[in-house]
Amino acid sequence: MLQTLNGTGRPVHGGDVVVMVTNGRISGPTRDFARQQRLHVVDRRVLEQWARGGRPLWEILPAVPPPRTPPQLH
């Protein structure tokens, strides 16, 4: 599934940031592949933190960049 996300996340869906969310565990090789391909993985541990609320994903998972702010119109 991660390979499919990698092949479609940016070129097909136009994503700037590609994140896979699972309520399962992520293996070491999967984590390595995701890192090499600039994919972000939210596993059950991170998902629990995120679901508890109060903090955006980019604070919990530092590799995820914060959203871009639109330019201010004058």
Protein backbone atom coordinates (compact mmCIF):
# COMPACT_ATOMS: atom_id res chain seq x y z
CA MET A 1 0.00 0.00 0.00
CA LEU A 2 2.83 2.41 0.78
CA GLN A 3 4.28 1.83 -2.70
CA THR A 4 0.91 2.74 -4.27
CA LEU A 5 0.71 5.88 -2.16
CA ASN A 6 4.26 6.74 -3.16
CA GLY A 7 3.45 6.31 -6.86
CA THR A 8 0.25 8.38 -6.81
CA GLY A 9 0.41 10.83 -3.91
CA ARG A 10 2.35 13.54 -5.69
CA PRO A 11 2.11 12.88 -9.45
CA VAL A 12 -1.56 11.81 -9.65
CA HIS A 13 -3.16 13.60 -6.69
CA GLY A 14 -0.86 16.64 -6.60
CA GLY A 15 0.03 16.30 -2.93
CA ASP A 16 2.76 18.48 -1.46
CA VAL A 17 2.85 16.37 1.70
CA VAL A 18 1.99 12.66 1.54
CA VAL A 19 0.90 11.00 4.79
CA MET A 20 -0.15 7.41 5.42
CA VAL A 21 -2.31 6.89 8.53
CA THR A 22 -2.83 3.47 10.09
CA ASN A 23 -4.07 2.17 13.40
CA GLY A 24 -1.49 -0.60 13.11
CA ARG A 25 2.23 -0.80 13.65
CA ILE A 26 4.87 0.19 11.10
CA SER A 27 7.87 -2.09 10.51
CA GLY A 28 11.43 -0.81 10.36
CA PRO A 29 11.80 -1.45 6.60
CA THR A 30 8.52 0.38 5.95
CA ARG A 31 9.70 3.34 8.02
CA ASP A 32 13.02 3.37 6.12
CA PHE A 33 11.24 3.27 2.74
CA ALA A 34 8.89 6.08 3.78
CA ARG A 35 11.80 8.24 4.93
CA GLN A 36 13.70 7.64 1.67
CA GLN A 37 10.65 8.62 -0.39
CA ARG A 38 9.67 11.65 1.73
CA LEU A 39 6.46 9.95 2.88
CA HIS A 40 5.14 10.58 6.37
CA VAL A 41 3.75 7.72 8.45
CA VAL A 42 1.25 8.07 11.28
CA ASP A 43 1.11 4.80 13.22
CA ARG A 44 -1.13 3.86 16.15
CA ARG A 45 1.08 5.68 18.67
CA VAL A 46 1.10 8.97 16.74
CA LEU A 47 -2.57 8.56 15.79
CA GLU A 48 -3.49 8.28 19.47
CA GLN A 49 -1.62 11.52 20.28
CA TRP A 50 -3.23 13.27 17.32
CA ALA A 51 -6.73 11.98 18.16
CA ARG A 52 -6.51 13.26 21.73
CA GLY A 53 -6.63 16.72 20.21
CA GLY A 54 -5.08 20.00 21.03
CA ARG A 55 -2.04 19.66 18.76
CA PRO A 56 -1.79 19.74 14.98
CA LEU A 57 -0.03 16.90 13.19
CA TRP A 58 3.01 19.02 12.29
CA GLU A 59 3.74 19.47 16.01
CA ILE A 60 3.41 15.76 16.77
CA LEU A 61 5.31 14.59 13.69
CA PRO A 62 8.04 17.21 13.12
CA ALA A 63 8.86 15.91 9.63
CA VAL A 64 5.44 17.15 8.45
CA PRO A 65 5.73 20.82 7.51
CA PRO A 66 3.20 23.30 8.87
CA PRO A 67 0.66 24.59 6.36
CA ARG A 68 1.68 27.44 4.16
CA THR A 69 -0.02 30.71 4.93
CA PRO A 70 -1.56 32.43 1.95
CA PRO A 71 0.03 35.75 0.99
CA GLN A 72 -1.60 38.73 2.63
CA LEU A 73 -3.59 40.93 0.26
CA HIS A 74 -3.09 44.65 0.70
